[in-house]
Each structure stands twice: as structure tokens, then as C-alpha cells.
């Protein structure tokens, strides 16, 4: 069962949930924390009062209240960025370091590589008529769960969160995406919005799991193995990586490649991956 989570405290989340209800015939059955559960086949949509990043153990709470433990969780969410650039984003969750925005320090929630990457591709095709960019974000923030999870978001400020077309695109993607199963890689390098990983995902037969930006590696190379190992294990125990080497100094990239080789991680370049 896929659990879709709408936060009443999040304008974009409510917007997406409303568009989902418009696009399909959901059936009300049971309650979660005093609010109706909506079912569509093997999908269940629930509402929570708090912001998503604070909804630790939501999967366990779901099992206790409605008697079903979800196979994966999709959080319907807003995205905030100082740029205010209209965007549709997807990303895995957890913290490579401190837990400043929910979750647990140095803990990653299991990713949904095939679903997340397939959602990215579907959003890219559906957003063609919208003035919205579509991209991955790297792994960041809470909540803490034990179930594979993904955030899908409207960004980047109050001017876009209630955009009907953006929410319709996300709702359509959730309802129509078929998961493509390709080799799972973790992404290492680059910035927060992962343009290189997005580009590769839109062109190549690959599924991205957790993504580690350059800023997560600033603690020094002694922390690299732990960060990388956590990302691999929480990405379906992948042993594969894609490294955005051009985003690093040559010396840094060389040392990272040595560490990955010592760990037995196979590193792909774009030319190693089949075209879609």
C-alpha cells in the first residue's frame, strides 16, 4: 500500500490533495487521527495537522490506526527557496549530518529509487506547458520513518504553493506513473538541486537513490565512508554510484574515487549508462 500524506499546515500539500481527489474516485473508509482516510485501490491518503518534517513514526501510527503498514510513503509538500523560482521537486529524506529540520542526525530513511526517478520523468513530461522547472533535490530533512519514503513538492514560495496547474501535474504524476526498474545508484557531488543527477535521470536508464551534495562532505574525508555507506544501504543496498566529478576540485574527486574503490563501490559515468 502506498500512503499519501497531506499536511493541513501546508498550503501546497492541501492543493495537491484536492487535485488528487478531483482526478479520481476515492472511497472514504476508516479514520486516521480523527480524519477520514481516502482509498484508491492500493493507495491511501491521510491528513495530518503537523508539518511533514515533524511526523516521526507516521508509518507506525498508520499501522496502529488503520491496520495496514505502508510499503512506501509519498509526502505531498511545499518547497521553500529564497529564489522564489517556480519548481516541482522530488527527493529522498534523512540527514547526512545534523538534524536541523526533523529526523535523526546521520540517519537516512530508505529511498524509493524507482518510484522517485519515475516521478521525476513523469513530472518533466507533464510540466511542459507550465513555467515550472523540474528537478531532484538531494537528501535532506525529516521525518524519521522505517518505511521507504519520498517527498514531491511545489516550490518555491507563497506565490506558487497554491498554483492549480502545478498541483494538477503532481496529482497526475502520482496517479499515472509506472515505475521503471533500472540500476540503482547513489549520487555524490554537486549542489542542493542536483542538476547533473536530474539531467542523467531524464536521459539514461538509471534510478537514483540517496544523493550526497558537496556540502555534506565538508567535514573531511574521514567521514566519507560512513556517509557513503549509509546512502548505499538506504538505497536498496546499492553498490553503485554516480559521481559529479566536475563539481569538485580534481584532487578532491581523485581522493573520493580512491575511497569508493577501497569500499568496493562501482562508479558509473554517463557513457556507462544506456539511453532511455
C-alpha atoms as a PDB file:
ATOM      1  CA  UNK A   1       0.000   0.000   0.000  1.00  0.00           C
ATOM      2  CA  UNK A   2       1.217   3.497  -0.864  1.00  0.00           C
ATOM      3  CA  UNK A   3       0.476   6.047   1.850  1.00  0.00           C
ATOM      4  CA  UNK A   4      -0.042   9.616   0.621  1.00  0.00           C
ATOM      5  CA  UNK A   5       0.318  12.244   3.326  1.00  0.00           C
ATOM      6  CA  UNK A   6      -1.300  15.686   3.247  1.00  0.00           C
ATOM      7  CA  UNK A   7      -0.372  18.240   5.917  1.00  0.00           C
ATOM      8  CA  UNK A   8      -3.124  20.676   6.875  1.00  0.00           C
ATOM      9  CA  UNK A   9      -0.392  23.158   7.830  1.00  0.00           C
ATOM     10  CA  UNK A  10       0.968  23.209   4.263  1.00  0.00           C
ATOM     11  CA  UNK A  11      -0.858  25.162   1.513  1.00  0.00           C
ATOM     12  CA  UNK A  12       0.799  23.249  -1.313  1.00  0.00           C
ATOM     13  CA  UNK A  13       0.062  19.913   0.334  1.00  0.00           C
ATOM     14  CA  UNK A  14      -3.648  20.702   0.591  1.00  0.00           C
ATOM     15  CA  UNK A  15      -3.608  21.954  -3.004  1.00  0.00           C
ATOM     16  CA  UNK A  16      -2.132  18.673  -4.285  1.00  0.00           C
ATOM     17  CA  UNK A  17      -4.527  16.579  -2.179  1.00  0.00           C
ATOM     18  CA  UNK A  18      -7.518  18.460  -3.596  1.00  0.00           C
ATOM     19  CA  UNK A  19      -6.326  17.913  -7.171  1.00  0.00           C
ATOM     20  CA  UNK A  20      -5.862  14.195  -6.444  1.00  0.00           C
ATOM     21  CA  UNK A  21      -9.456  13.988  -5.255  1.00  0.00           C
ATOM     22  CA  UNK A  22     -10.661  15.738  -8.414  1.00  0.00           C
ATOM     23  CA  UNK A  23      -8.823  13.351 -10.714  1.00  0.00           C
ATOM     24  CA  UNK A  24     -10.067  10.026  -9.323  1.00  0.00           C
ATOM     25  CA  UNK A  25     -12.947   8.435  -7.434  1.00  0.00           C
ATOM     26  CA  UNK A  26     -11.570   7.968  -3.946  1.00  0.00           C
ATOM     27  CA  UNK A  27     -13.527   5.972  -1.366  1.00  0.00           C
ATOM     28  CA  UNK A  28     -13.757   7.055   2.263  1.00  0.00           C
ATOM     29  CA  UNK A  29     -13.044   4.226   4.677  1.00  0.00           C
ATOM     30  CA  UNK A  30     -11.805   4.476   8.256  1.00  0.00           C
ATOM     31  CA  UNK A  31     -10.092   7.329  10.062  1.00  0.00           C
ATOM     32  CA  UNK A  32      -6.556   8.385  10.811  1.00  0.00           C
ATOM     33  CA  UNK A  33      -6.091  10.657  13.819  1.00  0.00           C
ATOM     34  CA  UNK A  34      -9.723  11.715  13.651  1.00  0.00           C
ATOM     35  CA  UNK A  35      -9.828  12.497   9.913  1.00  0.00           C
ATOM     36  CA  UNK A  36     -11.236  10.341   7.092  1.00  0.00           C
ATOM     37  CA  UNK A  37      -8.939   8.045   5.120  1.00  0.00           C
ATOM     38  CA  UNK A  38      -9.399   8.124   1.355  1.00  0.00           C
ATOM     39  CA  UNK A  39      -8.678   4.971  -0.646  1.00  0.00           C
ATOM     40  CA  UNK A  40      -7.996   4.423  -4.329  1.00  0.00           C
ATOM     41  CA  UNK A  41      -7.048   0.809  -4.949  1.00  0.00           C
ATOM     42  CA  UNK A  42      -3.773   0.248  -3.095  1.00  0.00           C
ATOM     43  CA  UNK A  43      -3.311   3.937  -2.271  1.00  0.00           C
ATOM     44  CA  UNK A  44      -4.476   5.540   0.957  1.00  0.00           C
ATOM     45  CA  UNK A  45      -4.436   9.307   1.501  1.00  0.00           C
ATOM     46  CA  UNK A  46      -4.452  10.703   5.041  1.00  0.00           C
ATOM     47  CA  UNK A  47      -4.315  14.174   6.588  1.00  0.00           C
ATOM     48  CA  UNK A  48      -2.136  15.255   9.473  1.00  0.00           C
ATOM     49  CA  UNK A  49      -2.125  18.516  11.412  1.00  0.00           C
ATOM     50  CA  UNK A  50       1.639  18.999  11.794  1.00  0.00           C
ATOM     51  CA  UNK A  51       4.169  19.766   9.106  1.00  0.00           C
ATOM     52  CA  UNK A  52       5.536  16.645   7.467  1.00  0.00           C
ATOM     53  CA  UNK A  53       9.082  17.061   8.753  1.00  0.00           C
ATOM     54  CA  UNK A  54       7.827  16.595  12.319  1.00  0.00           C
ATOM     55  CA  UNK A  55       5.708  13.479  11.632  1.00  0.00           C
ATOM     56  CA  UNK A  56       8.127  10.892  13.000  1.00  0.00           C
ATOM     57  CA  UNK A  57       6.909   7.271  13.049  1.00  0.00           C
ATOM     58  CA  UNK A  58       3.956   8.119  10.802  1.00  0.00           C
ATOM     59  CA  UNK A  59       4.187   4.669   9.241  1.00  0.00           C
ATOM     60  CA  UNK A  60       3.846   3.007  12.649  1.00  0.00           C
ATOM     61  CA  UNK A  61       0.982   5.319  13.603  1.00  0.00           C
ATOM     62  CA  UNK A  62      -0.730   4.379  10.342  1.00  0.00           C
ATOM     63  CA  UNK A  63      -0.470   0.669  11.091  1.00  0.00           C
ATOM     64  CA  UNK A  64      -1.825   1.175  14.607  1.00  0.00           C
ATOM     65  CA  UNK A  65      -4.844   3.199  13.446  1.00  0.00           C
ATOM     66  CA  UNK A  66      -5.871   1.652  10.131  1.00  0.00           C
ATOM     67  CA  UNK A  67      -4.301  -1.772  10.468  1.00  0.00           C
ATOM     68  CA  UNK A  68      -2.022  -1.568   7.438  1.00  0.00           C
ATOM     69  CA  UNK A  69       1.707  -0.861   7.323  1.00  0.00           C
ATOM     70  CA  UNK A  70       2.513   1.061   4.131  1.00  0.00           C
ATOM     71  CA  UNK A  71       5.040  -0.241   1.620  1.00  0.00           C
ATOM     72  CA  UNK A  72       6.086   3.315   0.855  1.00  0.00           C
ATOM     73  CA  UNK A  73       5.136   6.854   1.835  1.00  0.00           C
ATOM     74  CA  UNK A  74       4.645   9.825  -0.507  1.00  0.00           C
ATOM     75  CA  UNK A  75       4.638  13.201   1.215  1.00  0.00           C
ATOM     76  CA  UNK A  76       2.722  15.954  -0.608  1.00  0.00           C
ATOM     77  CA  UNK A  77       4.585  19.118   0.258  1.00  0.00           C
ATOM     78  CA  UNK A  78       5.635  22.681  -0.384  1.00  0.00           C
ATOM     79  CA  UNK A  79       9.206  23.609  -1.180  1.00  0.00           C
ATOM     80  CA  UNK A  80      10.693  26.857   0.051  1.00  0.00           C
ATOM     81  CA  UNK A  81      13.648  28.600  -1.582  1.00  0.00           C
ATOM     82  CA  UNK A  82      14.857  32.188  -1.338  1.00  0.00           C
ATOM     83  CA  UNK A  83      14.990  32.373  -5.135  1.00  0.00           C
ATOM     84  CA  UNK A  84      11.216  32.026  -5.433  1.00  0.00           C
ATOM     85  CA  UNK A  85      11.738  30.195  -8.738  1.00  0.00           C
ATOM     86  CA  UNK A  86       8.678  28.082  -9.654  1.00  0.00           C
ATOM     87  CA  UNK A  87       9.683  24.431  -9.389  1.00  0.00           C
ATOM     88  CA  UNK A  88       8.445  20.897  -8.951  1.00  0.00           C
ATOM     89  CA  UNK A  89      10.862  18.745  -6.981  1.00  0.00           C
ATOM     90  CA  UNK A  90      11.246  15.207  -5.682  1.00  0.00           C
ATOM     91  CA  UNK A  91      13.760  13.988  -3.118  1.00  0.00           C
ATOM     92  CA  UNK A  92      14.624  11.277  -0.593  1.00  0.00           C
ATOM     93  CA  UNK A  93      14.733  12.124   3.098  1.00  0.00           C
ATOM     94  CA  UNK A  94      17.131  11.900   6.008  1.00  0.00           C
ATOM     95  CA  UNK A  95      20.185  13.705   7.323  1.00  0.00           C
ATOM     96  CA  UNK A  96      23.783  13.202   6.286  1.00  0.00           C
ATOM     97  CA  UNK A  97      24.780  15.265   9.312  1.00  0.00           C
ATOM     98  CA  UNK A  98      22.822  17.253  11.893  1.00  0.00           C
ATOM     99  CA  UNK A  99      19.033  17.053  12.120  1.00  0.00           C
ATOM    100  CA  UNK A 100      18.188  20.754  11.962  1.00  0.00           C
ATOM    101  CA  UNK A 101      14.868  20.139  10.194  1.00  0.00           C
ATOM    102  CA  UNK A 102      13.463  16.954  11.657  1.00  0.00           C
ATOM    103  CA  UNK A 103      14.501  13.335  11.512  1.00  0.00           C
ATOM    104  CA  UNK A 104      17.570  11.930  13.227  1.00  0.00           C
ATOM    105  CA  UNK A 105      21.207  13.029  12.932  1.00  0.00           C
ATOM    106  CA  UNK A 106      23.250  10.940  10.498  1.00  0.00           C
ATOM    107  CA  UNK A 107      20.258   8.775   9.644  1.00  0.00           C
ATOM    108  CA  UNK A 108      18.662   8.221   6.246  1.00  0.00           C
ATOM    109  CA  UNK A 109      15.152   6.938   5.601  1.00  0.00           C
ATOM    110  CA  UNK A 110      15.057   4.241   2.919  1.00  0.00           C
ATOM    111  CA  UNK A 111      14.709   5.789  -0.521  1.00  0.00           C
ATOM    112  CA  UNK A 112      12.273   4.825  -3.297  1.00  0.00           C
ATOM    113  CA  UNK A 113      14.702   4.963  -6.254  1.00  0.00           C
ATOM    114  CA  UNK A 114      12.435   3.551  -8.966  1.00  0.00           C
ATOM    115  CA  UNK A 115       9.330   5.479  -7.917  1.00  0.00           C
ATOM    116  CA  UNK A 116      11.192   8.731  -7.264  1.00  0.00           C
ATOM    117  CA  UNK A 117      13.068   8.712 -10.560  1.00  0.00           C
ATOM    118  CA  UNK A 118       9.961   7.665 -12.492  1.00  0.00           C
ATOM    119  CA  UNK A 119       8.007  10.504 -10.845  1.00  0.00           C
ATOM    120  CA  UNK A 120      10.707  12.948 -11.908  1.00  0.00           C
ATOM    121  CA  UNK A 121      10.417  11.810 -15.537  1.00  0.00           C
ATOM    122  CA  UNK A 122       6.617  11.909 -15.490  1.00  0.00           C
ATOM    123  CA  UNK A 123       6.587  15.384 -13.929  1.00  0.00           C
ATOM    124  CA  UNK A 124       9.017  16.572 -16.568  1.00  0.00           C
ATOM    125  CA  UNK A 125       6.639  15.445 -19.315  1.00  0.00           C
ATOM    126  CA  UNK A 126       3.524  16.845 -17.621  1.00  0.00           C
ATOM    127  CA  UNK A 127       5.029  20.231 -16.746  1.00  0.00           C
ATOM    128  CA  UNK A 128       5.898  21.131 -20.326  1.00  0.00           C
ATOM    129  CA  UNK A 129       3.151  23.746 -20.533  1.00  0.00           C
ATOM    130  CA  UNK A 130       3.922  25.205 -17.096  1.00  0.00           C
ATOM    131  CA  UNK A 131       6.555  27.772 -16.256  1.00  0.00           C
ATOM    132  CA  UNK A 132       8.000  25.429 -13.634  1.00  0.00           C
ATOM    133  CA  UNK A 133      11.362  23.728 -13.543  1.00  0.00           C
ATOM    134  CA  UNK A 134      11.508  20.055 -12.577  1.00  0.00           C
ATOM    135  CA  UNK A 135      14.393  18.638 -10.582  1.00  0.00           C
ATOM    136  CA  UNK A 136      15.682  16.362  -7.900  1.00  0.00           C
ATOM    137  CA  UNK A 137      16.771  17.787  -4.604  1.00  0.00           C
ATOM    138  CA  UNK A 138      19.454  15.988  -2.651  1.00  0.00           C
ATOM    139  CA  UNK A 139      18.648  14.076   0.516  1.00  0.00           C
ATOM    140  CA  UNK A 140      17.614  16.362   3.367  1.00  0.00           C
ATOM    141  CA  UNK A 141      15.316  16.820   6.406  1.00  0.00           C
ATOM    142  CA  UNK A 142      12.887  14.636   8.346  1.00  0.00           C
ATOM    143  CA  UNK A 143      10.715  12.967   9.375  1.00  0.00           C
ATOM    144  CA  UNK A 144      12.108   9.719  10.721  1.00  0.00           C
ATOM    145  CA  UNK A 145      10.350   6.614   9.406  1.00  0.00           C
ATOM    146  CA  UNK A 146      11.211   2.975   8.866  1.00  0.00           C
ATOM    147  CA  UNK A 147       9.393   2.829   5.525  1.00  0.00           C
ATOM    148  CA  UNK A 148      10.755   3.892   2.100  1.00  0.00           C
ATOM    149  CA  UNK A 149       9.663   7.491   1.518  1.00  0.00           C
ATOM    150  CA  UNK A 150       9.767  10.326  -0.985  1.00  0.00           C
ATOM    151  CA  UNK A 151       8.755  13.987  -0.959  1.00  0.00           C
ATOM    152  CA  UNK A 152       7.073  15.539  -4.007  1.00  0.00           C
ATOM    153  CA  UNK A 153       6.818  19.306  -3.808  1.00  0.00           C
ATOM    154  CA  UNK A 154       5.633  22.607  -5.275  1.00  0.00           C
ATOM    155  CA  UNK A 155       8.158  25.409  -4.941  1.00  0.00           C
ATOM    156  CA  UNK A 156       9.304  27.855  -4.132  1.00  0.00           C
ATOM    157  CA  UNK A 157       7.203  30.370  -2.143  1.00  0.00           C
ATOM    158  CA  UNK A 158       3.696  31.622  -1.346  1.00  0.00           C
ATOM    159  CA  UNK A 159       3.215  32.737  -4.968  1.00  0.00           C
ATOM    160  CA  UNK A 160       3.380  29.166  -6.272  1.00  0.00           C
ATOM    161  CA  UNK A 161       2.175  26.888  -3.482  1.00  0.00           C
ATOM    162  CA  UNK A 162      -1.489  27.316  -4.451  1.00  0.00           C
ATOM    163  CA  UNK A 163      -0.808  27.089  -8.208  1.00  0.00           C
ATOM    164  CA  UNK A 164      -3.555  24.834  -9.532  1.00  0.00           C
ATOM    165  CA  UNK A 165      -1.675  23.684 -12.649  1.00  0.00           C
ATOM    166  CA  UNK A 166       1.399  22.690 -10.661  1.00  0.00           C
ATOM    167  CA  UNK A 167      -0.712  20.664  -8.240  1.00  0.00           C
ATOM    168  CA  UNK A 168      -2.587  19.057 -11.134  1.00  0.00           C
ATOM    169  CA  UNK A 169       0.720  17.970 -12.671  1.00  0.00           C
ATOM    170  CA  UNK A 170       1.864  16.379  -9.400  1.00  0.00           C
ATOM    171  CA  UNK A 171      -1.506  14.687  -8.875  1.00  0.00           C
ATOM    172  CA  UNK A 172      -1.457  13.319 -12.421  1.00  0.00           C
ATOM    173  CA  UNK A 173       2.097  12.068 -11.978  1.00  0.00           C
ATOM    174  CA  UNK A 174       1.228  10.241  -8.758  1.00  0.00           C
ATOM    175  CA  UNK A 175      -1.811   8.612 -10.328  1.00  0.00           C
ATOM    176  CA  UNK A 176      -0.245   7.689 -13.670  1.00  0.00           C
ATOM    177  CA  UNK A 177       3.433   6.930 -13.046  1.00  0.00           C
ATOM    178  CA  UNK A 178       4.598   3.418 -13.820  1.00  0.00           C
ATOM    179  CA  UNK A 179       7.821   2.543 -12.050  1.00  0.00           C
ATOM    180  CA  UNK A 180      10.722   1.833 -14.384  1.00  0.00           C
ATOM    181  CA  UNK A 181      13.190  -0.546 -12.768  1.00  0.00           C
ATOM    182  CA  UNK A 182      16.769   0.330 -13.687  1.00  0.00           C
ATOM    183  CA  UNK A 183      20.120   0.007 -11.869  1.00  0.00           C
ATOM    184  CA  UNK A 184      20.039   1.942  -8.578  1.00  0.00           C
ATOM    185  CA  UNK A 185      22.836   4.422  -7.976  1.00  0.00           C
ATOM    186  CA  UNK A 186      23.566   6.942  -5.277  1.00  0.00           C
ATOM    187  CA  UNK A 187      24.572  10.408  -6.427  1.00  0.00           C
ATOM    188  CA  UNK A 188      27.648  12.142  -4.992  1.00  0.00           C
ATOM    189  CA  UNK A 189      28.653  15.748  -5.612  1.00  0.00           C
ATOM    190  CA  UNK A 190      27.144  18.979  -6.854  1.00  0.00           C
ATOM    191  CA  UNK A 191      24.749  21.323  -5.134  1.00  0.00           C
ATOM    192  CA  UNK A 192      21.386  21.081  -3.444  1.00  0.00           C
ATOM    193  CA  UNK A 193      19.265  20.960  -6.607  1.00  0.00           C
ATOM    194  CA  UNK A 194      21.306  18.203  -8.243  1.00  0.00           C
ATOM    195  CA  UNK A 195      21.053  19.429 -11.867  1.00  0.00           C
ATOM    196  CA  UNK A 196      23.517  16.824 -13.119  1.00  0.00           C
ATOM    197  CA  UNK A 197      21.667  13.933 -11.454  1.00  0.00           C
ATOM    198  CA  UNK A 198      18.388  15.293 -12.860  1.00  0.00           C
ATOM    199  CA  UNK A 199      19.881  15.502 -16.346  1.00  0.00           C
ATOM    200  CA  UNK A 200      21.208  11.944 -16.170  1.00  0.00           C
ATOM    201  CA  UNK A 201      17.885  10.594 -14.853  1.00  0.00           C
ATOM    202  CA  UNK A 202      15.982  12.219 -17.730  1.00  0.00           C
ATOM    203  CA  UNK A 203      18.278  10.693 -20.346  1.00  0.00           C
ATOM    204  CA  UNK A 204      19.560   7.380 -19.007  1.00  0.00           C
ATOM    205  CA  UNK A 205      18.239   4.030 -17.791  1.00  0.00           C
ATOM    206  CA  UNK A 206      19.058   4.594 -14.135  1.00  0.00           C
ATOM    207  CA  UNK A 207      17.240   5.023 -10.823  1.00  0.00           C
ATOM    208  CA  UNK A 208      18.686   7.447  -8.283  1.00  0.00           C
ATOM    209  CA  UNK A 209      18.515   6.727  -4.584  1.00  0.00           C
ATOM    210  CA  UNK A 210      20.071   8.968  -1.953  1.00  0.00           C
ATOM    211  CA  UNK A 211      22.094  11.944  -3.123  1.00  0.00           C
ATOM    212  CA  UNK A 212      25.062  13.428  -1.277  1.00  0.00           C
ATOM    213  CA  UNK A 213      25.925  17.051  -2.145  1.00  0.00           C
ATOM    214  CA  UNK A 214      29.384  18.530  -1.831  1.00  0.00           C
ATOM    215  CA  UNK A 215      28.402  20.462   1.286  1.00  0.00           C
ATOM    216  CA  UNK A 216      27.666  17.179   3.098  1.00  0.00           C
ATOM    217  CA  UNK A 217      31.297  16.160   2.561  1.00  0.00           C
ATOM    218  CA  UNK A 218      32.849  19.282   4.086  1.00  0.00           C
ATOM    219  CA  UNK A 219      33.548  17.510   7.381  1.00  0.00           C
ATOM    220  CA  UNK A 220      36.647  15.868   5.941  1.00  0.00           C
ATOM    221  CA  UNK A 221      37.456  12.626   4.196  1.00  0.00           C
ATOM    222  CA  UNK A 222      37.429  10.603   7.406  1.00  0.00           C
ATOM    223  CA  UNK A 223      33.627  10.992   7.361  1.00  0.00           C
ATOM    224  CA  UNK A 224      33.219   9.906   3.726  1.00  0.00           C
ATOM    225  CA  UNK A 225      32.928   6.116   4.262  1.00  0.00           C
ATOM    226  CA  UNK A 226      30.186   6.487   6.852  1.00  0.00           C
ATOM    227  CA  UNK A 227      28.162   8.930   4.752  1.00  0.00           C
ATOM    228  CA  UNK A 228      28.545   6.820   1.618  1.00  0.00           C
ATOM    229  CA  UNK A 229      27.754   3.530   3.376  1.00  0.00           C
ATOM    230  CA  UNK A 230      24.547   4.954   4.851  1.00  0.00           C
ATOM    231  CA  UNK A 231      23.457   6.206   1.427  1.00  0.00           C
ATOM    232  CA  UNK A 232      24.150   2.845  -0.213  1.00  0.00           C
ATOM    233  CA  UNK A 233      22.320   0.822   2.441  1.00  0.00           C
ATOM    234  CA  UNK A 234      19.285   3.130   2.350  1.00  0.00           C
ATOM    235  CA  UNK A 235      19.168   2.932  -1.461  1.00  0.00           C
ATOM    236  CA  UNK A 236      18.189  -0.718  -1.714  1.00  0.00           C
ATOM    237  CA  UNK A 237      21.687  -1.724  -0.590  1.00  0.00           C
ATOM    238  CA  UNK A 238      23.083  -0.438  -3.872  1.00  0.00           C
ATOM    239  CA  UNK A 239      26.769  -0.898  -4.587  1.00  0.00           C
ATOM    240  CA  UNK A 240      26.718   1.689  -7.382  1.00  0.00           C
ATOM    241  CA  UNK A 241      27.422   5.410  -7.511  1.00  0.00           C
ATOM    242  CA  UNK A 242      27.361   8.276  -9.967  1.00  0.00           C
ATOM    243  CA  UNK A 243      29.877  10.989  -9.076  1.00  0.00           C
ATOM    244  CA  UNK A 244      29.563  14.559 -10.361  1.00  0.00           C
ATOM    245  CA  UNK A 245      33.317  14.965 -10.596  1.00  0.00           C
ATOM    246  CA  UNK A 246      33.213  18.294 -12.440  1.00  0.00           C
ATOM    247  CA  UNK A 247      31.621  19.865  -9.358  1.00  0.00           C
ATOM    248  CA  UNK A 248      34.803  19.171  -7.331  1.00  0.00           C
ATOM    249  CA  UNK A 249      38.451  20.047  -7.440  1.00  0.00           C
ATOM    250  CA  UNK A 250      40.463  17.405  -9.274  1.00  0.00           C
ATOM    251  CA  UNK A 251      42.327  16.452  -6.104  1.00  0.00           C
ATOM    252  CA  UNK A 252      39.059  16.054  -4.188  1.00  0.00           C
ATOM    253  CA  UNK A 253      37.479  13.974  -6.936  1.00  0.00           C
ATOM    254  CA  UNK A 254      40.554  11.751  -7.171  1.00  0.00           C
ATOM    255  CA  UNK A 255      40.593  11.090  -3.438  1.00  0.00           C
ATOM    256  CA  UNK A 256      36.850  10.384  -3.411  1.00  0.00           C
ATOM    257  CA  UNK A 257      37.281   7.894  -6.248  1.00  0.00           C
ATOM    258  CA  UNK A 258      40.043   6.156  -4.277  1.00  0.00           C
ATOM    259  CA  UNK A 259      37.787   5.866  -1.240  1.00  0.00           C
ATOM    260  CA  UNK A 260      34.937   4.473  -3.338  1.00  0.00           C
ATOM    261  CA  UNK A 261      37.283   1.909  -4.878  1.00  0.00           C
ATOM    262  CA  UNK A 262      38.516   0.884  -1.430  1.00  0.00           C
ATOM    263  CA  UNK A 263      34.876   0.412  -0.394  1.00  0.00           C
ATOM    264  CA  UNK A 264      34.161  -1.766  -3.423  1.00  0.00           C
ATOM    265  CA  UNK A 265      31.680   0.711  -4.918  1.00  0.00           C
ATOM    266  CA  UNK A 266      31.335   0.658  -8.700  1.00  0.00           C
ATOM    267  CA  UNK A 267      31.266   4.183 -10.154  1.00  0.00           C
ATOM    268  CA  UNK A 268      29.344   4.969 -13.316  1.00  0.00           C
ATOM    269  CA  UNK A 269      29.865   7.770 -15.793  1.00  0.00           C
ATOM    270  CA  UNK A 270      27.139   8.941 -18.137  1.00  0.00           C
ATOM    271  CA  UNK A 271      28.639   6.966 -21.011  1.00  0.00           C
ATOM    272  CA  UNK A 272      28.350   3.755 -18.969  1.00  0.00           C
ATOM    273  CA  UNK A 273      24.554   4.036 -18.787  1.00  0.00           C
ATOM    274  CA  UNK A 274      22.090   3.056 -21.504  1.00  0.00           C
ATOM    275  CA  UNK A 275      19.943   5.750 -23.084  1.00  0.00           C
ATOM    276  CA  UNK A 276      16.235   5.764 -22.362  1.00  0.00           C
END
